[in-house]
């Protein structure tokens, strides 16, 4: 089973990318957020969820491990396939899913193209059943509205890292050092996290 791909981005299309790994091109489905972070000719590493279907193995790629985890939870839901799960991730933030679960808010889910009232009701029912799993994930997402953490993320992005890579590394650094440490120390620890991964 393929769990990650590291190589050159050959092409970026609507909803999919091709990653060249040692001369072999892998077609990978992605959500719009991941797609927006990728550029042809740039090396990247995607976390991959492999889904088996009648057509064979389909690969779904993510830069952010949190989004991959949420995708893996969503595809456990009856009648919610990987394409619908990607649509949900493309149109909703993690905080939106958390809000829908906590407030029984169907309208949030109905913002997603192709999700009508009945599907939204089923989704909400299943999301509430899996609620602890989803909510715990969304609570772990870094708050980039915090100016202190946002500066650290931006500093890493200036060094050439993607926003998702930077956010994940800063989150790990903050968990180790604490939130009230100077930005420079957070960035140094975040770089250690990146280099050790």
N, C-alpha and C. Protein backbone atom coordinates (compact mmCIF):
# COMPACT_ATOMS: atom_id res chain seq x y z
N UNK A 1 0.84 -1.20 0.00
CA UNK A 1 0.00 0.00 0.00
C UNK A 1 0.88 1.25 0.00
N UNK A 2 0.56 2.20 -0.85
CA UNK A 2 1.32 3.45 -0.93
C UNK A 2 0.83 4.40 0.16
N UNK A 3 1.75 4.88 1.00
CA UNK A 3 1.37 5.78 2.08
C UNK A 3 1.91 7.20 1.88
N UNK A 4 2.89 7.36 0.99
CA UNK A 4 3.39 8.70 0.68
C UNK A 4 4.11 8.67 -0.66
N UNK A 5 4.20 9.82 -1.30
CA UNK A 5 4.92 9.98 -2.56
C UNK A 5 5.77 11.23 -2.47
N UNK A 6 7.04 11.10 -2.84
CA UNK A 6 7.92 12.27 -2.85
C UNK A 6 8.58 12.36 -4.22
N UNK A 7 8.37 13.49 -4.89
CA UNK A 7 8.94 13.65 -6.22
C UNK A 7 8.59 14.98 -6.82
N UNK A 8 8.73 15.08 -8.13
CA UNK A 8 8.50 16.32 -8.87
C UNK A 8 7.05 16.40 -9.33
N UNK A 9 6.44 17.56 -9.12
CA UNK A 9 5.08 17.78 -9.61
C UNK A 9 5.15 17.97 -11.13
N UNK A 10 4.58 17.03 -11.88
CA UNK A 10 4.59 17.14 -13.35
C UNK A 10 3.47 18.02 -13.86
N UNK A 11 2.29 17.84 -13.30
CA UNK A 11 1.14 18.63 -13.76
C UNK A 11 0.13 18.78 -12.64
N UNK A 12 -0.63 19.86 -12.72
CA UNK A 12 -1.70 20.13 -11.75
C UNK A 12 -2.96 20.41 -12.54
N UNK A 13 -3.96 19.55 -12.39
CA UNK A 13 -5.25 19.75 -13.05
C UNK A 13 -6.31 19.99 -11.98
N UNK A 14 -7.53 20.23 -12.41
CA UNK A 14 -8.61 20.45 -11.46
C UNK A 14 -8.91 19.14 -10.72
N UNK A 15 -8.53 19.10 -9.46
CA UNK A 15 -8.83 17.93 -8.64
C UNK A 15 -7.81 16.81 -8.68
N UNK A 16 -6.73 16.98 -9.43
CA UNK A 16 -5.72 15.92 -9.47
C UNK A 16 -4.35 16.48 -9.86
N UNK A 17 -3.32 15.72 -9.51
CA UNK A 17 -1.95 16.09 -9.87
C UNK A 17 -1.21 14.83 -10.32
N UNK A 18 -0.11 15.04 -11.02
CA UNK A 18 0.77 13.92 -11.38
C UNK A 18 2.11 14.18 -10.70
N UNK A 19 2.56 13.20 -9.90
CA UNK A 19 3.84 13.29 -9.21
C UNK A 19 4.81 12.30 -9.84
N UNK A 20 5.95 12.80 -10.31
CA UNK A 20 6.96 11.94 -10.92
C UNK A 20 7.93 11.48 -9.83
N UNK A 21 7.90 10.16 -9.57
CA UNK A 21 8.80 9.57 -8.57
C UNK A 21 9.75 8.62 -9.30
N UNK A 22 11.01 9.02 -9.42
CA UNK A 22 12.03 8.20 -10.09
C UNK A 22 11.60 7.76 -11.49
N UNK A 23 11.00 8.69 -12.23
CA UNK A 23 10.61 8.42 -13.61
C UNK A 23 9.24 7.81 -13.80
N UNK A 24 8.55 7.52 -12.70
CA UNK A 24 7.19 6.95 -12.78
C UNK A 24 6.19 8.02 -12.36
N UNK A 25 5.19 8.27 -13.22
CA UNK A 25 4.18 9.28 -12.91
C UNK A 25 3.00 8.68 -12.17
N UNK A 26 2.69 9.20 -11.00
CA UNK A 26 1.56 8.75 -10.21
C UNK A 26 0.44 9.79 -10.27
N UNK A 27 -0.74 9.38 -10.71
CA UNK A 27 -1.89 10.26 -10.69
C UNK A 27 -2.52 10.24 -9.31
N UNK A 28 -2.71 11.42 -8.74
CA UNK A 28 -3.21 11.52 -7.37
C UNK A 28 -4.36 12.52 -7.32
N UNK A 29 -5.49 12.12 -6.73
CA UNK A 29 -6.61 13.04 -6.53
C UNK A 29 -6.32 13.91 -5.31
N UNK A 30 -6.65 15.21 -5.40
CA UNK A 30 -6.40 16.13 -4.30
C UNK A 30 -7.60 17.06 -4.10
N UNK A 31 -7.73 17.60 -2.88
CA UNK A 31 -8.75 18.61 -2.63
C UNK A 31 -8.22 19.96 -3.12
N UNK A 32 -9.09 20.94 -3.19
CA UNK A 32 -8.71 22.23 -3.78
C UNK A 32 -7.63 22.94 -2.98
N UNK A 33 -7.63 22.76 -1.66
CA UNK A 33 -6.61 23.40 -0.83
C UNK A 33 -5.23 22.84 -1.16
N UNK A 34 -5.12 21.50 -1.23
CA UNK A 34 -3.84 20.88 -1.57
C UNK A 34 -3.40 21.29 -2.97
N UNK A 35 -4.37 21.28 -3.90
CA UNK A 35 -4.08 21.66 -5.29
C UNK A 35 -3.49 23.06 -5.37
N UNK A 36 -4.02 23.98 -4.58
CA UNK A 36 -3.56 25.38 -4.64
C UNK A 36 -2.13 25.55 -4.12
N UNK A 37 -1.65 24.57 -3.35
CA UNK A 37 -0.30 24.65 -2.78
C UNK A 37 0.77 24.05 -3.70
N UNK A 38 0.34 23.35 -4.76
CA UNK A 38 1.28 22.63 -5.62
C UNK A 38 1.55 23.39 -6.92
N UNK A 39 2.80 23.31 -7.40
CA UNK A 39 3.19 23.98 -8.64
C UNK A 39 4.00 23.01 -9.50
N UNK A 40 3.73 22.95 -10.82
CA UNK A 40 4.53 22.10 -11.71
C UNK A 40 6.01 22.45 -11.61
N UNK A 41 6.86 21.41 -11.62
CA UNK A 41 8.30 21.62 -11.58
C UNK A 41 8.88 21.73 -10.19
N UNK A 42 8.02 21.68 -9.16
CA UNK A 42 8.48 21.80 -7.78
C UNK A 42 8.42 20.43 -7.10
N UNK A 43 9.45 20.10 -6.33
CA UNK A 43 9.43 18.84 -5.59
C UNK A 43 8.49 18.96 -4.40
N UNK A 44 7.82 17.86 -4.09
CA UNK A 44 6.90 17.86 -2.96
C UNK A 44 6.80 16.47 -2.38
N UNK A 45 6.22 16.40 -1.21
CA UNK A 45 5.91 15.10 -0.60
C UNK A 45 4.44 15.10 -0.21
N UNK A 46 3.70 14.13 -0.74
CA UNK A 46 2.29 13.99 -0.43
C UNK A 46 2.07 12.79 0.48
N UNK A 47 1.25 12.98 1.49
CA UNK A 47 0.75 11.86 2.28
C UNK A 47 -0.38 11.24 1.46
N UNK A 48 -0.43 9.93 1.38
CA UNK A 48 -1.37 9.27 0.47
C UNK A 48 -2.30 8.31 1.20
N UNK A 49 -3.58 8.41 0.88
CA UNK A 49 -4.57 7.41 1.29
C UNK A 49 -4.93 6.61 0.05
N UNK A 50 -4.73 5.31 0.11
CA UNK A 50 -5.05 4.43 -1.02
C UNK A 50 -6.46 3.88 -0.85
N UNK A 51 -7.28 4.05 -1.88
CA UNK A 51 -8.67 3.57 -1.83
C UNK A 51 -8.87 2.55 -2.94
N UNK A 52 -9.38 1.40 -2.59
CA UNK A 52 -9.60 0.33 -3.57
C UNK A 52 -11.01 0.43 -4.12
N UNK A 53 -11.13 0.41 -5.45
CA UNK A 53 -12.43 0.48 -6.11
C UNK A 53 -12.47 -0.53 -7.24
N UNK A 54 -13.62 -0.59 -7.93
CA UNK A 54 -13.75 -1.50 -9.07
C UNK A 54 -12.75 -1.17 -10.17
N UNK A 55 -12.36 0.10 -10.25
CA UNK A 55 -11.42 0.53 -11.29
C UNK A 55 -9.96 0.25 -10.91
N UNK A 56 -9.74 -0.17 -9.68
CA UNK A 56 -8.38 -0.41 -9.21
C UNK A 56 -8.07 0.44 -7.98
N UNK A 57 -6.81 0.74 -7.79
CA UNK A 57 -6.39 1.54 -6.64
C UNK A 57 -6.39 3.02 -7.02
N UNK A 58 -7.07 3.84 -6.22
CA UNK A 58 -7.06 5.28 -6.42
C UNK A 58 -6.26 5.91 -5.29
N UNK A 59 -5.43 6.89 -5.64
CA UNK A 59 -4.59 7.56 -4.66
C UNK A 59 -5.13 8.96 -4.36
N UNK A 60 -5.23 9.29 -3.08
CA UNK A 60 -5.71 10.60 -2.64
C UNK A 60 -4.60 11.23 -1.80
N UNK A 61 -4.13 12.41 -2.23
CA UNK A 61 -2.95 13.00 -1.62
C UNK A 61 -3.23 14.25 -0.80
N UNK A 62 -2.40 14.43 0.24
CA UNK A 62 -2.56 15.55 1.16
C UNK A 62 -1.20 16.07 1.61
N UNK A 63 -1.09 17.39 1.74
CA UNK A 63 0.09 17.99 2.32
C UNK A 63 -0.05 18.07 3.84
N UNK A 64 -1.28 18.21 4.29
CA UNK A 64 -1.56 18.40 5.71
C UNK A 64 -2.05 17.09 6.34
N UNK A 65 -1.34 16.54 7.32
CA UNK A 65 -1.76 15.28 7.93
C UNK A 65 -3.13 15.34 8.59
N UNK A 66 -3.52 16.53 9.09
CA UNK A 66 -4.84 16.67 9.71
C UNK A 66 -5.95 16.45 8.68
N UNK A 67 -5.76 17.02 7.50
CA UNK A 67 -6.78 16.88 6.45
C UNK A 67 -6.86 15.43 5.98
N UNK A 68 -5.72 14.75 5.93
CA UNK A 68 -5.74 13.34 5.56
C UNK A 68 -6.51 12.53 6.60
N UNK A 69 -6.29 12.81 7.87
CA UNK A 69 -6.99 12.08 8.93
C UNK A 69 -8.49 12.29 8.84
N UNK A 70 -8.90 13.54 8.58
CA UNK A 70 -10.33 13.82 8.46
C UNK A 70 -10.91 13.11 7.24
N UNK A 71 -10.17 13.11 6.13
CA UNK A 71 -10.59 12.38 4.92
C UNK A 71 -10.80 10.90 5.26
N UNK A 72 -9.87 10.30 5.98
CA UNK A 72 -9.98 8.89 6.33
C UNK A 72 -11.18 8.60 7.21
N UNK A 73 -11.55 9.58 8.05
CA UNK A 73 -12.76 9.42 8.87
C UNK A 73 -14.01 9.55 7.99
N UNK A 74 -14.02 10.54 7.10
CA UNK A 74 -15.19 10.78 6.25
C UNK A 74 -15.53 9.58 5.37
N UNK A 75 -14.50 8.89 4.84
CA UNK A 75 -14.80 7.77 3.93
C UNK A 75 -15.27 6.53 4.68
N UNK A 76 -15.27 6.58 6.00
CA UNK A 76 -15.87 5.49 6.79
C UNK A 76 -17.39 5.59 6.78
N UNK A 77 -17.90 6.78 6.44
CA UNK A 77 -19.34 7.01 6.49
C UNK A 77 -20.03 6.32 5.32
N UNK A 78 -21.12 5.64 5.60
CA UNK A 78 -21.87 4.91 4.58
C UNK A 78 -22.32 5.83 3.45
N UNK A 79 -22.07 5.41 2.23
CA UNK A 79 -22.47 6.12 1.01
C UNK A 79 -21.72 7.43 0.78
N UNK A 80 -20.69 7.67 1.56
CA UNK A 80 -19.84 8.85 1.33
C UNK A 80 -18.53 8.34 0.76
N UNK A 81 -18.39 8.43 -0.55
CA UNK A 81 -17.18 7.94 -1.19
C UNK A 81 -16.05 8.94 -1.09
N UNK A 82 -14.88 8.57 -1.57
CA UNK A 82 -13.71 9.46 -1.49
C UNK A 82 -13.89 10.77 -2.26
N UNK A 83 -14.62 10.74 -3.38
CA UNK A 83 -14.82 11.98 -4.16
C UNK A 83 -15.67 12.98 -3.36
N UNK A 84 -16.72 12.46 -2.71
CA UNK A 84 -17.55 13.34 -1.87
C UNK A 84 -16.75 13.86 -0.69
N UNK A 85 -15.93 13.01 -0.11
CA UNK A 85 -15.08 13.43 1.01
C UNK A 85 -14.14 14.56 0.57
N UNK A 86 -13.58 14.44 -0.65
CA UNK A 86 -12.70 15.50 -1.16
C UNK A 86 -13.48 16.80 -1.37
N UNK A 87 -14.72 16.67 -1.88
CA UNK A 87 -15.55 17.88 -2.07
C UNK A 87 -15.79 18.58 -0.74
N UNK A 88 -16.06 17.79 0.29
CA UNK A 88 -16.28 18.37 1.61
C UNK A 88 -15.03 19.11 2.08
N UNK A 89 -13.87 18.49 1.90
CA UNK A 89 -12.62 19.12 2.32
C UNK A 89 -12.28 20.34 1.47
N UNK A 90 -12.74 20.33 0.21
CA UNK A 90 -12.47 21.46 -0.69
C UNK A 90 -13.28 22.69 -0.33
N UNK A 91 -14.47 22.47 0.24
CA UNK A 91 -15.37 23.59 0.49
C UNK A 91 -15.53 23.96 1.97
N UNK A 92 -15.08 23.07 2.86
CA UNK A 92 -15.24 23.34 4.29
C UNK A 92 -13.89 23.31 5.00
N UNK A 93 -13.73 24.21 5.95
CA UNK A 93 -12.54 24.17 6.81
C UNK A 93 -12.80 23.18 7.95
N UNK A 94 -11.73 22.78 8.62
CA UNK A 94 -11.88 21.88 9.75
C UNK A 94 -12.82 22.46 10.80
N UNK A 95 -12.71 23.78 11.01
CA UNK A 95 -13.56 24.45 12.00
C UNK A 95 -15.03 24.40 11.61
N UNK A 96 -15.32 24.38 10.28
CA UNK A 96 -16.71 24.29 9.82
C UNK A 96 -17.32 22.95 10.21
N UNK A 97 -16.55 21.88 10.03
CA UNK A 97 -17.04 20.54 10.40
C UNK A 97 -17.29 20.48 11.90
N UNK A 98 -16.38 21.03 12.66
CA UNK A 98 -16.53 21.05 14.12
C UNK A 98 -17.79 21.81 14.50
N UNK A 99 -18.03 22.96 13.86
CA UNK A 99 -19.20 23.77 14.16
C UNK A 99 -20.49 23.04 13.78
N UNK A 100 -20.48 22.36 12.63
CA UNK A 100 -21.67 21.61 12.20
C UNK A 100 -22.03 20.54 13.21
N UNK A 101 -21.01 19.85 13.73
CA UNK A 101 -21.24 18.78 14.71
C UNK A 101 -21.77 19.35 16.01
N UNK A 102 -21.13 20.39 16.50
CA UNK A 102 -21.50 20.93 17.82
C UNK A 102 -22.85 21.63 17.83
N UNK A 103 -23.21 22.25 16.68
CA UNK A 103 -24.43 23.05 16.63
C UNK A 103 -25.56 22.43 15.82
N UNK A 104 -25.39 21.15 15.41
CA UNK A 104 -26.40 20.49 14.57
C UNK A 104 -26.77 21.36 13.37
N UNK A 105 -25.78 21.92 12.71
CA UNK A 105 -26.02 22.90 11.65
C UNK A 105 -25.93 22.26 10.26
N UNK A 106 -27.10 21.95 9.69
CA UNK A 106 -27.15 21.35 8.35
C UNK A 106 -26.70 22.33 7.27
N UNK A 107 -26.95 23.63 7.49
CA UNK A 107 -26.68 24.61 6.44
C UNK A 107 -25.19 24.65 6.07
N UNK A 108 -24.33 24.38 7.05
CA UNK A 108 -22.89 24.37 6.77
C UNK A 108 -22.57 23.29 5.75
N UNK A 109 -23.14 22.10 5.95
CA UNK A 109 -22.87 20.98 5.05
C UNK A 109 -23.51 21.18 3.69
N UNK A 110 -24.67 21.87 3.67
CA UNK A 110 -25.38 22.09 2.40
C UNK A 110 -24.70 23.14 1.52
N UNK A 111 -23.67 23.80 2.04
CA UNK A 111 -22.89 24.72 1.20
C UNK A 111 -22.07 23.97 0.16
N UNK A 112 -21.84 22.68 0.41
CA UNK A 112 -21.00 21.87 -0.48
C UNK A 112 -21.80 21.44 -1.70
N UNK A 113 -21.32 21.70 -2.92
CA UNK A 113 -22.03 21.28 -4.13
C UNK A 113 -22.33 19.78 -4.12
N UNK A 114 -23.58 19.45 -4.45
CA UNK A 114 -23.96 18.04 -4.50
C UNK A 114 -24.46 17.48 -3.18
N UNK A 115 -24.42 18.29 -2.13
CA UNK A 115 -24.91 17.84 -0.83
C UNK A 115 -26.25 18.50 -0.55
N UNK A 116 -27.32 17.71 -0.72
CA UNK A 116 -28.66 18.21 -0.44
C UNK A 116 -29.04 17.97 1.01
N UNK A 117 -30.31 18.22 1.33
CA UNK A 117 -30.74 18.12 2.72
C UNK A 117 -30.61 16.70 3.26
N UNK A 118 -31.03 15.70 2.45
CA UNK A 118 -30.98 14.32 2.93
C UNK A 118 -29.55 13.86 3.18
N UNK A 119 -28.66 14.18 2.24
CA UNK A 119 -27.27 13.79 2.44
C UNK A 119 -26.67 14.53 3.63
N UNK A 120 -27.02 15.80 3.77
CA UNK A 120 -26.51 16.59 4.89
C UNK A 120 -26.97 16.00 6.22
N UNK A 121 -28.24 15.55 6.26
CA UNK A 121 -28.76 14.93 7.48
C UNK A 121 -28.01 13.65 7.81
N UNK A 122 -27.76 12.83 6.78
CA UNK A 122 -27.03 11.58 7.01
C UNK A 122 -25.59 11.88 7.44
N UNK A 123 -24.98 12.85 6.75
CA UNK A 123 -23.62 13.25 7.10
C UNK A 123 -23.53 13.71 8.55
N UNK A 124 -24.47 14.57 8.93
CA UNK A 124 -24.43 15.12 10.28
C UNK A 124 -24.61 14.01 11.32
N UNK A 125 -25.54 13.08 11.03
CA UNK A 125 -25.77 11.96 11.95
C UNK A 125 -24.49 11.15 12.14
N UNK A 126 -23.84 10.84 11.02
CA UNK A 126 -22.62 10.03 11.08
C UNK A 126 -21.45 10.82 11.68
N UNK A 127 -21.38 12.11 11.36
CA UNK A 127 -20.31 12.93 11.92
C UNK A 127 -20.44 13.05 13.43
N UNK A 128 -21.68 13.12 13.91
CA UNK A 128 -21.90 13.17 15.36
C UNK A 128 -21.49 11.85 16.00
N UNK A 129 -21.74 10.75 15.28
CA UNK A 129 -21.34 9.43 15.78
C UNK A 129 -19.82 9.34 15.87
N UNK A 130 -19.16 9.95 14.89
CA UNK A 130 -17.70 9.98 14.87
C UNK A 130 -17.16 11.29 15.44
N UNK A 131 -18.06 12.01 16.10
CA UNK A 131 -17.76 13.38 16.52
C UNK A 131 -16.50 13.56 17.32
N UNK A 132 -16.28 12.69 18.32
CA UNK A 132 -15.10 12.85 19.17
C UNK A 132 -13.83 12.81 18.35
N UNK A 133 -13.83 11.92 17.34
CA UNK A 133 -12.65 11.77 16.48
C UNK A 133 -12.41 13.04 15.67
N UNK A 134 -13.49 13.58 15.06
CA UNK A 134 -13.37 14.79 14.24
C UNK A 134 -13.01 16.00 15.11
N UNK A 135 -13.74 16.18 16.21
CA UNK A 135 -13.53 17.36 17.06
C UNK A 135 -12.12 17.38 17.62
N UNK A 136 -11.61 16.21 18.04
CA UNK A 136 -10.25 16.17 18.59
C UNK A 136 -9.23 16.56 17.52
N UNK A 137 -9.50 16.20 16.26
CA UNK A 137 -8.60 16.58 15.17
C UNK A 137 -8.63 18.08 14.93
N UNK A 138 -9.85 18.64 14.87
CA UNK A 138 -9.96 20.06 14.56
C UNK A 138 -9.42 20.92 15.70
N UNK A 139 -9.45 20.40 16.92
CA UNK A 139 -8.91 21.16 18.03
C UNK A 139 -7.39 21.21 18.00
N UNK A 140 -6.79 20.28 17.23
CA UNK A 140 -5.33 20.24 17.13
C UNK A 140 -4.79 21.13 16.01
N UNK A 141 -5.68 21.75 15.23
CA UNK A 141 -5.22 22.61 14.13
C UNK A 141 -4.68 23.91 14.70
N UNK A 142 -3.55 24.34 14.20
CA UNK A 142 -2.91 25.55 14.71
C UNK A 142 -3.77 26.78 14.41
N UNK A 143 -3.84 27.69 15.36
CA UNK A 143 -4.61 28.92 15.19
C UNK A 143 -3.71 29.99 14.58
N UNK A 144 -3.78 30.11 13.25
CA UNK A 144 -2.91 31.08 12.57
C UNK A 144 -3.42 32.51 12.72
N UNK A 145 -4.57 32.70 13.41
CA UNK A 145 -5.03 34.05 13.71
C UNK A 145 -4.18 34.64 14.85
N UNK A 146 -3.52 33.77 15.61
CA UNK A 146 -2.61 34.21 16.65
C UNK A 146 -1.38 34.81 15.96
N UNK A 147 -1.16 36.10 16.13
CA UNK A 147 -0.09 36.80 15.40
C UNK A 147 1.27 36.17 15.66
N UNK A 148 1.49 35.73 16.89
CA UNK A 148 2.75 35.12 17.29
C UNK A 148 3.04 33.87 16.45
N UNK A 149 2.05 32.98 16.35
CA UNK A 149 2.22 31.74 15.59
C UNK A 149 2.23 32.01 14.09
N UNK A 150 1.43 32.98 13.68
CA UNK A 150 1.37 33.33 12.26
C UNK A 150 2.73 33.82 11.76
N UNK A 151 3.43 34.59 12.59
CA UNK A 151 4.77 35.07 12.21
C UNK A 151 5.73 33.91 12.01
N UNK A 152 5.64 32.91 12.88
CA UNK A 152 6.51 31.74 12.77
C UNK A 152 6.22 30.97 11.49
N UNK A 153 4.94 30.81 11.18
CA UNK A 153 4.54 30.12 9.94
C UNK A 153 5.06 30.89 8.73
N UNK A 154 4.88 32.20 8.73
CA UNK A 154 5.32 33.03 7.60
C UNK A 154 6.85 32.99 7.44
N UNK A 155 7.58 32.92 8.56
CA UNK A 155 9.04 32.84 8.49
C UNK A 155 9.48 31.55 7.80
N UNK A 156 8.80 30.45 8.11
CA UNK A 156 9.13 29.17 7.46
C UNK A 156 8.74 29.19 5.98
N UNK A 157 7.62 29.83 5.67
CA UNK A 157 7.20 29.94 4.27
C UNK A 157 8.22 30.75 3.47
N UNK A 158 8.81 31.76 4.11
CA UNK A 158 9.84 32.58 3.45
C UNK A 158 11.09 31.75 3.13
N UNK A 159 11.26 30.66 3.86
CA UNK A 159 12.40 29.76 3.62
C UNK A 159 12.08 28.71 2.56
N UNK A 160 10.85 28.78 2.02
CA UNK A 160 10.50 27.88 0.92
C UNK A 160 9.58 26.73 1.27
N UNK A 161 9.14 26.66 2.54
CA UNK A 161 8.23 25.58 2.93
C UNK A 161 6.79 25.98 2.63
N UNK A 162 5.94 24.99 2.35
CA UNK A 162 4.53 25.27 2.09
C UNK A 162 3.85 25.68 3.39
N UNK A 163 2.69 26.30 3.26
CA UNK A 163 1.96 26.75 4.44
C UNK A 163 1.62 25.58 5.35
N UNK A 164 1.22 24.45 4.73
CA UNK A 164 0.83 23.29 5.53
C UNK A 164 2.03 22.71 6.28
N UNK A 165 3.18 22.58 5.58
CA UNK A 165 4.39 22.07 6.23
C UNK A 165 4.78 22.98 7.39
N UNK A 166 4.73 24.29 7.15
CA UNK A 166 5.10 25.26 8.18
C UNK A 166 4.17 25.17 9.38
N UNK A 167 2.86 25.09 9.12
CA UNK A 167 1.88 25.05 10.21
C UNK A 167 2.04 23.80 11.07
N UNK A 168 2.26 22.66 10.43
CA UNK A 168 2.43 21.40 11.17
C UNK A 168 3.70 21.47 12.03
N UNK A 169 4.78 22.00 11.46
CA UNK A 169 6.04 22.09 12.20
C UNK A 169 5.94 23.07 13.37
N UNK A 170 5.27 24.20 13.15
CA UNK A 170 5.09 25.19 14.22
C UNK A 170 4.23 24.61 15.33
N UNK A 171 3.20 23.87 14.96
CA UNK A 171 2.34 23.23 15.97
C UNK A 171 3.16 22.30 16.86
N UNK A 172 4.03 21.48 16.22
CA UNK A 172 4.87 20.56 16.98
C UNK A 172 5.85 21.32 17.89
N UNK A 173 6.39 22.42 17.36
CA UNK A 173 7.34 23.23 18.14
C UNK A 173 6.65 23.85 19.36
N UNK A 174 5.43 24.35 19.15
CA UNK A 174 4.69 24.99 20.24
C UNK A 174 4.32 23.96 21.31
N UNK A 175 3.99 22.74 20.88
CA UNK A 175 3.66 21.69 21.85
C UNK A 175 4.87 21.38 22.74
N UNK A 176 6.06 21.50 22.17
CA UNK A 176 7.28 21.20 22.94
C UNK A 176 7.73 22.38 23.80
N UNK A 177 7.71 23.58 23.22
CA UNK A 177 8.28 24.76 23.89
C UNK A 177 7.27 25.60 24.64
N UNK A 178 6.01 25.54 24.21
CA UNK A 178 5.01 26.43 24.77
C UNK A 178 4.73 27.59 23.83
N UNK A 179 3.56 28.19 23.97
CA UNK A 179 3.09 29.20 23.03
C UNK A 179 3.76 30.56 23.22
N UNK A 180 4.25 30.82 24.43
CA UNK A 180 4.74 32.17 24.75
C UNK A 180 6.24 32.36 24.53
N UNK A 181 6.86 31.42 23.81
CA UNK A 181 8.28 31.54 23.48
C UNK A 181 8.45 32.50 22.30
N UNK A 182 9.63 33.14 22.21
CA UNK A 182 9.87 34.07 21.09
C UNK A 182 9.75 33.35 19.75
N UNK A 183 9.36 34.13 18.75
CA UNK A 183 9.15 33.60 17.41
C UNK A 183 10.41 32.89 16.90
N UNK A 184 11.58 33.50 17.14
CA UNK A 184 12.84 32.92 16.63
C UNK A 184 13.06 31.51 17.15
N UNK A 185 12.76 31.29 18.45
CA UNK A 185 12.97 29.97 19.04
C UNK A 185 11.96 28.96 18.49
N UNK A 186 10.73 29.44 18.25
CA UNK A 186 9.72 28.56 17.67
C UNK A 186 10.15 28.13 16.27
N UNK A 187 10.67 29.08 15.49
CA UNK A 187 11.11 28.77 14.12
C UNK A 187 12.27 27.77 14.15
N UNK A 188 13.24 27.97 15.05
CA UNK A 188 14.38 27.04 15.15
C UNK A 188 13.91 25.63 15.48
N UNK A 189 12.99 25.53 16.45
CA UNK A 189 12.48 24.21 16.83
C UNK A 189 11.67 23.60 15.70
N UNK A 190 10.89 24.43 15.00
CA UNK A 190 10.10 23.94 13.86
C UNK A 190 11.01 23.39 12.77
N UNK A 191 12.14 24.05 12.54
CA UNK A 191 13.11 23.56 11.54
C UNK A 191 13.69 22.21 11.96
N UNK A 192 13.93 22.06 13.27
CA UNK A 192 14.41 20.75 13.76
C UNK A 192 13.38 19.66 13.48
N UNK A 193 12.11 20.01 13.68
CA UNK A 193 11.02 19.06 13.41
C UNK A 193 11.02 18.66 11.94
N UNK A 194 11.15 19.65 11.06
CA UNK A 194 11.14 19.38 9.62
C UNK A 194 12.33 18.51 9.22
N UNK A 195 13.51 18.85 9.72
CA UNK A 195 14.72 18.11 9.34
C UNK A 195 14.70 16.68 9.87
N UNK A 196 14.01 16.46 11.00
CA UNK A 196 14.00 15.12 11.59
C UNK A 196 12.89 14.24 11.03
N UNK A 197 11.99 14.83 10.23
CA UNK A 197 10.86 14.05 9.70
C UNK A 197 11.24 13.33 8.42
